[in-house]
Amino acid sequence: VGLNNKCTNLLSMLLLDLAGNPYGSYQDDEWCLHCGARLKRPLQ
């Protein structure tokens, strides 16, 4: 079902990690798999 063209690469991953991953899926009421804290988009 459906079509998906979303993909990434090692360089983009590294750059986004350094940038704090601002475009992650924060809007879906997610919780950290490691510590259980609520995941929030970086404010600044």
All heavy atoms as atom14 arrays in JSON, in Angstrom:
{
  "sequence": "VGLNNKCTNLLSMLLLDLAGNPYGSYQDDEWCLHCGARLKRPLQ",
  "atom14_mask": [
    [1, 1, 1, 1, 1, 1, 1, 0, 0, 0, 0, 0, 0, 0],
    [1, 1, 1, 1, 0, 0, 0, 0, 0, 0, 0, 0, 0, 0],
    [1, 1, 1, 1, 1, 1, 1, 1, 0, 0, 0, 0, 0, 0],
    [1, 1, 1, 1, 1, 1, 1, 1, 0, 0, 0, 0, 0, 0],
    [1, 1, 1, 1, 1, 1, 1, 1, 0, 0, 0, 0, 0, 0],
    [1, 1, 1, 1, 1, 1, 1, 1, 1, 0, 0, 0, 0, 0],
    [1, 1, 1, 1, 1, 1, 0, 0, 0, 0, 0, 0, 0, 0],
    [1, 1, 1, 1, 1, 1, 1, 0, 0, 0, 0, 0, 0, 0],
    [1, 1, 1, 1, 1, 1, 1, 1, 0, 0, 0, 0, 0, 0],
    [1, 1, 1, 1, 1, 1, 1, 1, 0, 0, 0, 0, 0, 0],
    [1, 1, 1, 1, 1, 1, 1, 1, 0, 0, 0, 0, 0, 0],
    [1, 1, 1, 1, 1, 1, 0, 0, 0, 0, 0, 0, 0, 0],
    [1, 1, 1, 1, 1, 1, 1, 1, 0, 0, 0, 0, 0, 0],
    [1, 1, 1, 1, 1, 1, 1, 1, 0, 0, 0, 0, 0, 0],
    [1, 1, 1, 1, 1, 1, 1, 1, 0, 0, 0, 0, 0, 0],
    [1, 1, 1, 1, 1, 1, 1, 1, 0, 0, 0, 0, 0, 0],
    [1, 1, 1, 1, 1, 1, 1, 1, 0, 0, 0, 0, 0, 0],
    [1, 1, 1, 1, 1, 1, 1, 1, 0, 0, 0, 0, 0, 0],
    [1, 1, 1, 1, 1, 0, 0, 0, 0, 0, 0, 0, 0, 0],
    [1, 1, 1, 1, 0, 0, 0, 0, 0, 0, 0, 0, 0, 0],
    [1, 1, 1, 1, 1, 1, 1, 1, 0, 0, 0, 0, 0, 0],
    [1, 1, 1, 1, 1, 1, 1, 0, 0, 0, 0, 0, 0, 0],
    [1, 1, 1, 1, 1, 1, 1, 1, 1, 1, 1, 1, 0, 0],
    [1, 1, 1, 1, 0, 0, 0, 0, 0, 0, 0, 0, 0, 0],
    [1, 1, 1, 1, 1, 1, 0, 0, 0, 0, 0, 0, 0, 0],
    [1, 1, 1, 1, 1, 1, 1, 1, 1, 1, 1, 1, 0, 0],
    [1, 1, 1, 1, 1, 1, 1, 1, 1, 0, 0, 0, 0, 0],
    [1, 1, 1, 1, 1, 1, 1, 1, 0, 0, 0, 0, 0, 0],
    [1, 1, 1, 1, 1, 1, 1, 1, 0, 0, 0, 0, 0, 0],
    [1, 1, 1, 1, 1, 1, 1, 1, 1, 0, 0, 0, 0, 0],
    [1, 1, 1, 1, 1, 1, 1, 1, 1, 1, 1, 1, 1, 1],
    [1, 1, 1, 1, 1, 1, 0, 0, 0, 0, 0, 0, 0, 0],
    [1, 1, 1, 1, 1, 1, 1, 1, 0, 0, 0, 0, 0, 0],
    [1, 1, 1, 1, 1, 1, 1, 1, 1, 1, 0, 0, 0, 0],
    [1, 1, 1, 1, 1, 1, 0, 0, 0, 0, 0, 0, 0, 0],
    [1, 1, 1, 1, 0, 0, 0, 0, 0, 0, 0, 0, 0, 0],
    [1, 1, 1, 1, 1, 0, 0, 0, 0, 0, 0, 0, 0, 0],
    [1, 1, 1, 1, 1, 1, 1, 1, 1, 1, 1, 0, 0, 0],
    [1, 1, 1, 1, 1, 1, 1, 1, 0, 0, 0, 0, 0, 0],
    [1, 1, 1, 1, 1, 1, 1, 1, 1, 0, 0, 0, 0, 0],
    [1, 1, 1, 1, 1, 1, 1, 1, 1, 1, 1, 0, 0, 0],
    [1, 1, 1, 1, 1, 1, 1, 0, 0, 0, 0, 0, 0, 0],
    [1, 1, 1, 1, 1, 1, 1, 1, 0, 0, 0, 0, 0, 0],
    [1, 1, 1, 1, 1, 1, 1, 1, 1, 0, 0, 0, 0, 0]
  ],
  "atom14_positions": [
    [[0.84, -1.2, 0.0], [0.0, 0.0, 0.0], [0.88, 1.25, 0.0], [1.87, 1.33, 0.74], [-0.92, 0.03, 1.23], [-1.76, 1.31, 1.24], [-1.83, -1.19, 1.26], [0.0, 0.0, 0.0], [0.0, 0.0, 0.0], [0.0, 0.0, 0.0], [0.0, 0.0, 0.0], [0.0, 0.0, 0.0], [0.0, 0.0, 0.0], [0.0, 0.0, 0.0]],
    [[0.5, 2.24, -0.81], [1.18, 3.53, -0.81], [2.54, 3.51, -1.47], [3.04, 2.48, -1.9], [0.0, 0.0, 0.0], [0.0, 0.0, 0.0], [0.0, 0.0, 0.0], [0.0, 0.0, 0.0], [0.0, 0.0, 0.0], [0.0, 0.0, 0.0], [0.0, 0.0, 0.0], [0.0, 0.0, 0.0], [0.0, 0.0, 0.0], [0.0, 0.0, 0.0]],
    [[3.14, 4.7, -1.55], [4.49, 4.86, -2.07], [5.29, 5.75, -1.13], [4.75, 6.69, -0.54], [4.47, 5.48, -3.47], [4.05, 4.57, -4.63], [4.01, 5.37, -5.93], [5.0, 3.39, -4.76], [0.0, 0.0, 0.0], [0.0, 0.0, 0.0], [0.0, 0.0, 0.0], [0.0, 0.0, 0.0], [0.0, 0.0, 0.0], [0.0, 0.0, 0.0]],
    [[6.57, 5.45, -1.01], [7.44, 6.18, -0.09], [8.78, 6.43, -0.76], [9.4, 5.5, -1.28], [7.61, 5.38, 1.2], [8.45, 6.1, 2.23], [8.79, 7.27, 2.07], [8.79, 5.4, 3.29], [0.0, 0.0, 0.0], [0.0, 0.0, 0.0], [0.0, 0.0, 0.0], [0.0, 0.0, 0.0], [0.0, 0.0, 0.0], [0.0, 0.0, 0.0]],
    [[9.24, 7.66, -0.74], [10.52, 8.0, -1.34], [11.5, 8.56, -0.31], [12.53, 9.14, -0.64], [10.33, 9.04, -2.47], [11.55, 9.15, -3.35], [12.25, 8.17, -3.59], [11.85, 10.35, -3.82], [0.0, 0.0, 0.0], [0.0, 0.0, 0.0], [0.0, 0.0, 0.0], [0.0, 0.0, 0.0], [0.0, 0.0, 0.0], [0.0, 0.0, 0.0]],
    [[11.19, 8.36, 0.98], [12.03, 8.93, 2.03], [13.27, 8.07, 2.25], [13.18, 6.87, 2.44], [11.25, 9.05, 3.33], [10.11, 10.05, 3.27], [9.36, 10.12, 4.6], [8.23, 11.12, 4.54], [7.46, 11.18, 5.81], [0.0, 0.0, 0.0], [0.0, 0.0, 0.0], [0.0, 0.0, 0.0], [0.0, 0.0, 0.0], [0.0, 0.0, 0.0]],
    [[14.42, 8.71, 2.21], [15.68, 8.01, 2.43], [16.71, 9.02, 2.92], [16.52, 10.23, 2.84], [16.16, 7.33, 1.15], [16.48, 8.51, -0.2], [0.0, 0.0, 0.0], [0.0, 0.0, 0.0], [0.0, 0.0, 0.0], [0.0, 0.0, 0.0], [0.0, 0.0, 0.0], [0.0, 0.0, 0.0], [0.0, 0.0, 0.0], [0.0, 0.0, 0.0]],
    [[17.81, 8.51, 3.44], [18.88, 9.39, 3.88], [20.22, 8.71, 3.62], [20.28, 7.66, 2.97], [18.72, 9.75, 5.38], [19.66, 10.8, 5.7], [18.96, 8.57, 6.29], [0.0, 0.0, 0.0], [0.0, 0.0, 0.0], [0.0, 0.0, 0.0], [0.0, 0.0, 0.0], [0.0, 0.0, 0.0], [0.0, 0.0, 0.0], [0.0, 0.0, 0.0]],
    [[21.28, 9.29, 4.11], [22.63, 8.79, 3.87], [23.5, 9.14, 5.06], [23.09, 9.92, 5.95], [23.19, 9.4, 2.58], [23.1, 10.91, 2.6], [23.91, 11.6, 3.23], [22.07, 11.45, 1.93], [0.0, 0.0, 0.0], [0.0, 0.0, 0.0], [0.0, 0.0, 0.0], [0.0, 0.0, 0.0], [0.0, 0.0, 0.0], [0.0, 0.0, 0.0]],
    [[24.69, 8.6, 5.1], [25.56, 8.78, 6.26], [25.93, 10.24, 6.49], [25.98, 10.71, 7.63], [26.82, 7.94, 6.1], [26.64, 6.42, 6.19], [27.95, 5.7, 5.88], [26.14, 6.01, 7.57], [0.0, 0.0, 0.0], [0.0, 0.0, 0.0], [0.0, 0.0, 0.0], [0.0, 0.0, 0.0], [0.0, 0.0, 0.0], [0.0, 0.0, 0.0]],
    [[26.18, 10.97, 5.41], [26.57, 12.37, 5.57], [25.42, 13.21, 6.11], [25.6, 14.01, 7.04], [27.06, 12.93, 4.22], [27.5, 14.42, 4.24], [28.57, 14.66, 5.29], [27.97, 14.84, 2.86], [0.0, 0.0, 0.0], [0.0, 0.0, 0.0], [0.0, 0.0, 0.0], [0.0, 0.0, 0.0], [0.0, 0.0, 0.0], [0.0, 0.0, 0.0]],
    [[24.25, 13.05, 5.53], [23.09, 13.8, 6.03], [22.78, 13.43, 7.48], [22.41, 14.3, 8.29], [21.86, 13.53, 5.15], [22.02, 14.11, 3.88], [0.0, 0.0, 0.0], [0.0, 0.0, 0.0], [0.0, 0.0, 0.0], [0.0, 0.0, 0.0], [0.0, 0.0, 0.0], [0.0, 0.0, 0.0], [0.0, 0.0, 0.0], [0.0, 0.0, 0.0]],
    [[22.91, 12.16, 7.81], [22.68, 11.72, 9.19], [23.63, 12.42, 10.15], [23.24, 12.91, 11.21], [22.88, 10.2, 9.3], [21.75, 9.37, 8.74], [22.23, 7.63, 8.67], [22.84, 7.37, 10.33], [0.0, 0.0, 0.0], [0.0, 0.0, 0.0], [0.0, 0.0, 0.0], [0.0, 0.0, 0.0], [0.0, 0.0, 0.0], [0.0, 0.0, 0.0]],
    [[24.91, 12.47, 9.77], [25.92, 13.1, 10.62], [25.62, 14.58, 10.81], [25.67, 15.1, 11.93], [27.3, 12.91, 10.01], [28.47, 13.62, 10.72], [28.6, 13.13, 12.15], [29.77, 13.43, 9.96], [0.0, 0.0, 0.0], [0.0, 0.0, 0.0], [0.0, 0.0, 0.0], [0.0, 0.0, 0.0], [0.0, 0.0, 0.0], [0.0, 0.0, 0.0]],
    [[25.28, 15.26, 9.72], [24.99, 16.69, 9.8], [23.77, 16.97, 10.68], [23.78, 17.9, 11.5], [24.77, 17.25, 8.39], [25.99, 17.24, 7.46], [25.59, 17.66, 6.06], [27.09, 18.14, 8.0], [0.0, 0.0, 0.0], [0.0, 0.0, 0.0], [0.0, 0.0, 0.0], [0.0, 0.0, 0.0], [0.0, 0.0, 0.0], [0.0, 0.0, 0.0]],
    [[22.73, 16.16, 10.54], [21.52, 16.36, 11.34], [21.76, 16.01, 12.81], [21.21, 16.65, 13.71], [20.36, 15.53, 10.79], [19.74, 16.08, 9.5], [18.71, 15.1, 8.95], [19.08, 17.44, 9.76], [0.0, 0.0, 0.0], [0.0, 0.0, 0.0], [0.0, 0.0, 0.0], [0.0, 0.0, 0.0], [0.0, 0.0, 0.0], [0.0, 0.0, 0.0]],
    [[22.61, 15.03, 13.05], [22.96, 14.7, 14.44], [23.66, 15.89, 15.1], [23.37, 16.25, 16.24], [23.87, 13.47, 14.5], [23.12, 12.18, 14.25], [21.87, 12.19, 14.34], [23.77, 11.16, 13.96], [0.0, 0.0, 0.0], [0.0, 0.0, 0.0], [0.0, 0.0, 0.0], [0.0, 0.0, 0.0], [0.0, 0.0, 0.0], [0.0, 0.0, 0.0]],
    [[24.59, 16.5, 14.37], [25.31, 17.67, 14.89], [24.36, 18.85, 15.08], [24.57, 19.69, 15.96], [26.44, 18.05, 13.94], [27.59, 17.03, 13.83], [28.56, 17.45, 12.73], [28.34, 16.92, 15.16], [0.0, 0.0, 0.0], [0.0, 0.0, 0.0], [0.0, 0.0, 0.0], [0.0, 0.0, 0.0], [0.0, 0.0, 0.0], [0.0, 0.0, 0.0]],
    [[23.31, 18.9, 14.27], [22.35, 19.99, 14.35], [21.27, 19.75, 15.39], [20.39, 20.59, 15.6], [21.71, 20.22, 12.98], [0.0, 0.0, 0.0], [0.0, 0.0, 0.0], [0.0, 0.0, 0.0], [0.0, 0.0, 0.0], [0.0, 0.0, 0.0], [0.0, 0.0, 0.0], [0.0, 0.0, 0.0], [0.0, 0.0, 0.0], [0.0, 0.0, 0.0]],
    [[21.3, 18.57, 16.04], [20.32, 18.27, 17.08], [19.06, 17.59, 16.59], [18.07, 17.5, 17.29], [0.0, 0.0, 0.0], [0.0, 0.0, 0.0], [0.0, 0.0, 0.0], [0.0, 0.0, 0.0], [0.0, 0.0, 0.0], [0.0, 0.0, 0.0], [0.0, 0.0, 0.0], [0.0, 0.0, 0.0], [0.0, 0.0, 0.0], [0.0, 0.0, 0.0]],
    [[19.09, 17.09, 15.34], [17.93, 16.42, 14.73], [16.64, 17.22, 14.9], [15.65, 16.74, 15.47], [17.76, 15.02, 15.33], [18.88, 14.08, 14.93], [19.11, 13.83, 13.76], [19.6, 13.58, 15.92], [0.0, 0.0, 0.0], [0.0, 0.0, 0.0], [0.0, 0.0, 0.0], [0.0, 0.0, 0.0], [0.0, 0.0, 0.0], [0.0, 0.0, 0.0]],
    [[16.6, 18.44, 14.37], [15.42, 19.31, 14.57], [14.17, 18.85, 13.82], [13.07, 19.25, 14.18], [15.9, 20.66, 14.03], [16.93, 20.31, 13.01], [17.63, 19.1, 13.54], [0.0, 0.0, 0.0], [0.0, 0.0, 0.0], [0.0, 0.0, 0.0], [0.0, 0.0, 0.0], [0.0, 0.0, 0.0], [0.0, 0.0, 0.0], [0.0, 0.0, 0.0]],
    [[14.33, 18.03, 12.78], [13.19, 17.63, 11.97], [12.72, 16.22, 12.29], [12.1, 15.55, 11.47], [13.53, 17.74, 10.48], [13.78, 19.16, 10.02], [14.62, 19.42, 8.95], [13.18, 20.23, 10.67], [14.84, 20.73, 8.51], [13.41, 21.54, 10.26], [14.24, 21.78, 9.19], [14.47, 23.07, 8.77], [0.0, 0.0, 0.0], [0.0, 0.0, 0.0]],
    [[13.0, 15.75, 13.49], [12.55, 14.42, 13.9], [11.06, 14.38, 14.13], [10.36, 15.39, 14.07], [0.0, 0.0, 0.0], [0.0, 0.0, 0.0], [0.0, 0.0, 0.0], [0.0, 0.0, 0.0], [0.0, 0.0, 0.0], [0.0, 0.0, 0.0], [0.0, 0.0, 0.0], [0.0, 0.0, 0.0], [0.0, 0.0, 0.0], [0.0, 0.0, 0.0]],
    [[10.56, 13.18, 14.43], [9.11, 12.97, 14.59], [8.66, 13.31, 16.01], [8.07, 12.48, 16.71], [8.75, 11.52, 14.26], [9.56, 10.62, 15.0], [0.0, 0.0, 0.0], [0.0, 0.0, 0.0], [0.0, 0.0, 0.0], [0.0, 0.0, 0.0], [0.0, 0.0, 0.0], [0.0, 0.0, 0.0], [0.0, 0.0, 0.0], [0.0, 0.0, 0.0]],
    [[8.91, 14.55, 16.43], [8.58, 14.98, 17.8], [7.09, 15.22, 18.0], [6.61, 15.2, 19.13], [9.33, 16.28, 18.13], [10.83, 16.16, 18.09], [11.54, 16.55, 16.96], [11.55, 15.67, 19.17], [12.93, 16.45, 16.91], [12.92, 15.57, 19.13], [13.61, 15.96, 18.0], [14.98, 15.86, 17.96], [0.0, 0.0, 0.0], [0.0, 0.0, 0.0]],
    [[6.37, 15.45, 16.94], [4.97, 15.88, 17.07], [4.04, 14.73, 17.42], [2.84, 14.94, 17.66], [4.49, 16.53, 15.78], [4.3, 15.59, 14.62], [5.57, 15.29, 13.85], [6.67, 15.62, 14.31], [5.44, 14.68, 12.69], [0.0, 0.0, 0.0], [0.0, 0.0, 0.0], [0.0, 0.0, 0.0], [0.0, 0.0, 0.0], [0.0, 0.0, 0.0]],
    [[4.52, 13.5, 17.47], [3.65, 12.35, 17.65], [3.7, 11.77, 19.07], [3.58, 10.56, 19.25], [4.0, 11.26, 16.63], [3.59, 11.68, 15.23], [2.4, 11.92, 15.02], [4.46, 11.78, 14.37], [0.0, 0.0, 0.0], [0.0, 0.0, 0.0], [0.0, 0.0, 0.0], [0.0, 0.0, 0.0], [0.0, 0.0, 0.0], [0.0, 0.0, 0.0]],
    [[3.88, 12.63, 20.06], [3.83, 12.21, 21.47], [4.76, 11.03, 21.73], [4.37, 10.02, 22.35], [2.4, 11.84, 21.87], [1.46, 13.03, 21.76], [1.91, 14.16, 21.99], [0.28, 12.82, 21.44], [0.0, 0.0, 0.0], [0.0, 0.0, 0.0], [0.0, 0.0, 0.0], [0.0, 0.0, 0.0], [0.0, 0.0, 0.0], [0.0, 0.0, 0.0]],
    [[5.99, 11.15, 21.26], [6.95, 10.07, 21.45], [7.71, 10.23, 22.76], [7.87, 11.32, 23.29], [7.94, 10.03, 20.28], [7.32, 9.57, 18.97], [8.38, 9.3, 17.93], [9.27, 8.46, 18.18], [8.32, 9.91, 16.86], [0.0, 0.0, 0.0], [0.0, 0.0, 0.0], [0.0, 0.0, 0.0], [0.0, 0.0, 0.0], [0.0, 0.0, 0.0]],
    [[8.22, 9.08, 23.22], [9.0, 9.03, 24.46], [10.33, 8.37, 24.16], [10.43, 7.48, 23.32], [8.24, 8.24, 25.53], [6.88, 8.8, 25.8], [5.74, 8.57, 25.08], [6.52, 9.73, 26.81], [4.68, 9.27, 25.59], [5.13, 10.0, 26.66], [7.21, 10.36, 27.85], [4.43, 10.87, 27.5], [6.51, 11.22, 28.68], [5.15, 11.47, 28.51]],
    [[11.37, 8.81, 24.85], [12.71, 8.29, 24.62], [12.76, 6.79, 24.95], [12.32, 6.37, 26.02], [13.72, 9.06, 25.47], [15.42, 8.46, 25.29], [0.0, 0.0, 0.0], [0.0, 0.0, 0.0], [0.0, 0.0, 0.0], [0.0, 0.0, 0.0], [0.0, 0.0, 0.0], [0.0, 0.0, 0.0], [0.0, 0.0, 0.0], [0.0, 0.0, 0.0]],
    [[13.31, 6.01, 24.04], [13.43, 4.58, 24.26], [14.49, 4.25, 25.3], [14.51, 3.13, 25.83], [13.79, 3.88, 22.94], [12.78, 4.01, 21.79], [13.32, 3.36, 20.54], [11.45, 3.41, 22.18], [0.0, 0.0, 0.0], [0.0, 0.0, 0.0], [0.0, 0.0, 0.0], [0.0, 0.0, 0.0], [0.0, 0.0, 0.0], [0.0, 0.0, 0.0]],
    [[15.36, 5.22, 25.61], [16.47, 4.97, 26.53], [16.16, 5.38, 27.95], [16.43, 4.62, 28.9], [17.71, 5.71, 26.03], [18.05, 5.42, 24.6], [18.66, 4.25, 24.2], [17.85, 6.15, 23.47], [18.83, 4.26, 22.89], [18.35, 5.41, 22.42], [0.0, 0.0, 0.0], [0.0, 0.0, 0.0], [0.0, 0.0, 0.0], [0.0, 0.0, 0.0]],
    [[15.57, 6.56, 28.14], [15.33, 7.05, 29.51], [13.84, 7.27, 29.81], [13.48, 7.52, 30.97], [16.11, 8.34, 29.76], [15.46, 9.79, 28.86], [0.0, 0.0, 0.0], [0.0, 0.0, 0.0], [0.0, 0.0, 0.0], [0.0, 0.0, 0.0], [0.0, 0.0, 0.0], [0.0, 0.0, 0.0], [0.0, 0.0, 0.0], [0.0, 0.0, 0.0]],
    [[12.98, 7.18, 28.8], [11.55, 7.32, 29.02], [11.03, 8.74, 29.06], [9.84, 8.96, 29.29], [0.0, 0.0, 0.0], [0.0, 0.0, 0.0], [0.0, 0.0, 0.0], [0.0, 0.0, 0.0], [0.0, 0.0, 0.0], [0.0, 0.0, 0.0], [0.0, 0.0, 0.0], [0.0, 0.0, 0.0], [0.0, 0.0, 0.0], [0.0, 0.0, 0.0]],
    [[11.9, 9.73, 28.84], [11.47, 11.13, 28.88], [10.7, 11.49, 27.61], [10.88, 10.88, 26.55], [12.68, 12.05, 29.03], [0.0, 0.0, 0.0], [0.0, 0.0, 0.0], [0.0, 0.0, 0.0], [0.0, 0.0, 0.0], [0.0, 0.0, 0.0], [0.0, 0.0, 0.0], [0.0, 0.0, 0.0], [0.0, 0.0, 0.0], [0.0, 0.0, 0.0]],
    [[9.83, 12.49, 27.72], [9.08, 12.97, 26.57], [10.04, 13.64, 25.58], [10.87, 14.47, 25.97], [8.03, 13.97, 27.04], [7.24, 14.64, 25.93], [6.17, 13.74, 25.36], [5.35, 14.44, 24.38], [4.26, 15.14, 24.69], [3.88, 15.24, 25.95], [3.56, 15.73, 23.74], [0.0, 0.0, 0.0], [0.0, 0.0, 0.0], [0.0, 0.0, 0.0]],
    [[9.93, 13.29, 24.31], [10.79, 13.86, 23.28], [10.23, 15.19, 22.83], [9.06, 15.29, 22.45], [10.91, 12.91, 22.09], [11.64, 11.6, 22.36], [11.57, 10.68, 21.15], [13.09, 11.85, 22.74], [0.0, 0.0, 0.0], [0.0, 0.0, 0.0], [0.0, 0.0, 0.0], [0.0, 0.0, 0.0], [0.0, 0.0, 0.0], [0.0, 0.0, 0.0]],
    [[11.06, 16.21, 22.88], [10.63, 17.55, 22.51], [11.59, 18.13, 21.49], [12.8, 17.95, 21.56], [10.57, 18.47, 23.74], [9.54, 18.02, 24.79], [9.54, 18.96, 25.97], [8.52, 18.54, 27.02], [8.5, 19.45, 28.19], [0.0, 0.0, 0.0], [0.0, 0.0, 0.0], [0.0, 0.0, 0.0], [0.0, 0.0, 0.0], [0.0, 0.0, 0.0]],
    [[11.02, 18.85, 20.53], [11.83, 19.52, 19.52], [12.73, 20.56, 20.19], [12.31, 21.25, 21.11], [10.92, 20.21, 18.5], [11.63, 20.7, 17.25], [10.65, 21.4, 16.32], [9.55, 20.53, 15.96], [9.59, 19.65, 14.97], [10.69, 19.52, 14.26], [8.53, 18.89, 14.7], [0.0, 0.0, 0.0], [0.0, 0.0, 0.0], [0.0, 0.0, 0.0]],
    [[14.01, 20.67, 19.75], [14.9, 21.68, 20.33], [14.34, 23.08, 20.18], [13.9, 23.47, 19.1], [16.2, 21.5, 19.55], [15.84, 20.73, 18.31], [14.68, 19.88, 18.69], [0.0, 0.0, 0.0], [0.0, 0.0, 0.0], [0.0, 0.0, 0.0], [0.0, 0.0, 0.0], [0.0, 0.0, 0.0], [0.0, 0.0, 0.0], [0.0, 0.0, 0.0]],
    [[14.31, 23.84, 21.27], [13.7, 25.17, 21.27], [14.56, 26.19, 20.54], [14.06, 27.09, 19.89], [13.45, 25.63, 22.71], [12.44, 24.78, 23.5], [12.35, 25.29, 24.94], [11.09, 24.8, 22.83], [0.0, 0.0, 0.0], [0.0, 0.0, 0.0], [0.0, 0.0, 0.0], [0.0, 0.0, 0.0], [0.0, 0.0, 0.0], [0.0, 0.0, 0.0]],
    [[15.88, 26.05, 20.68], [16.78, 27.02, 20.06], [17.91, 26.29, 19.35], [18.37, 25.24, 19.8], [17.36, 27.96, 21.12], [16.32, 28.87, 21.76], [16.96, 29.82, 22.77], [18.06, 29.57, 23.27], [16.29, 30.93, 23.04], [0.0, 0.0, 0.0], [0.0, 0.0, 0.0], [0.0, 0.0, 0.0], [0.0, 0.0, 0.0], [0.0, 0.0, 0.0]]
  ]
}
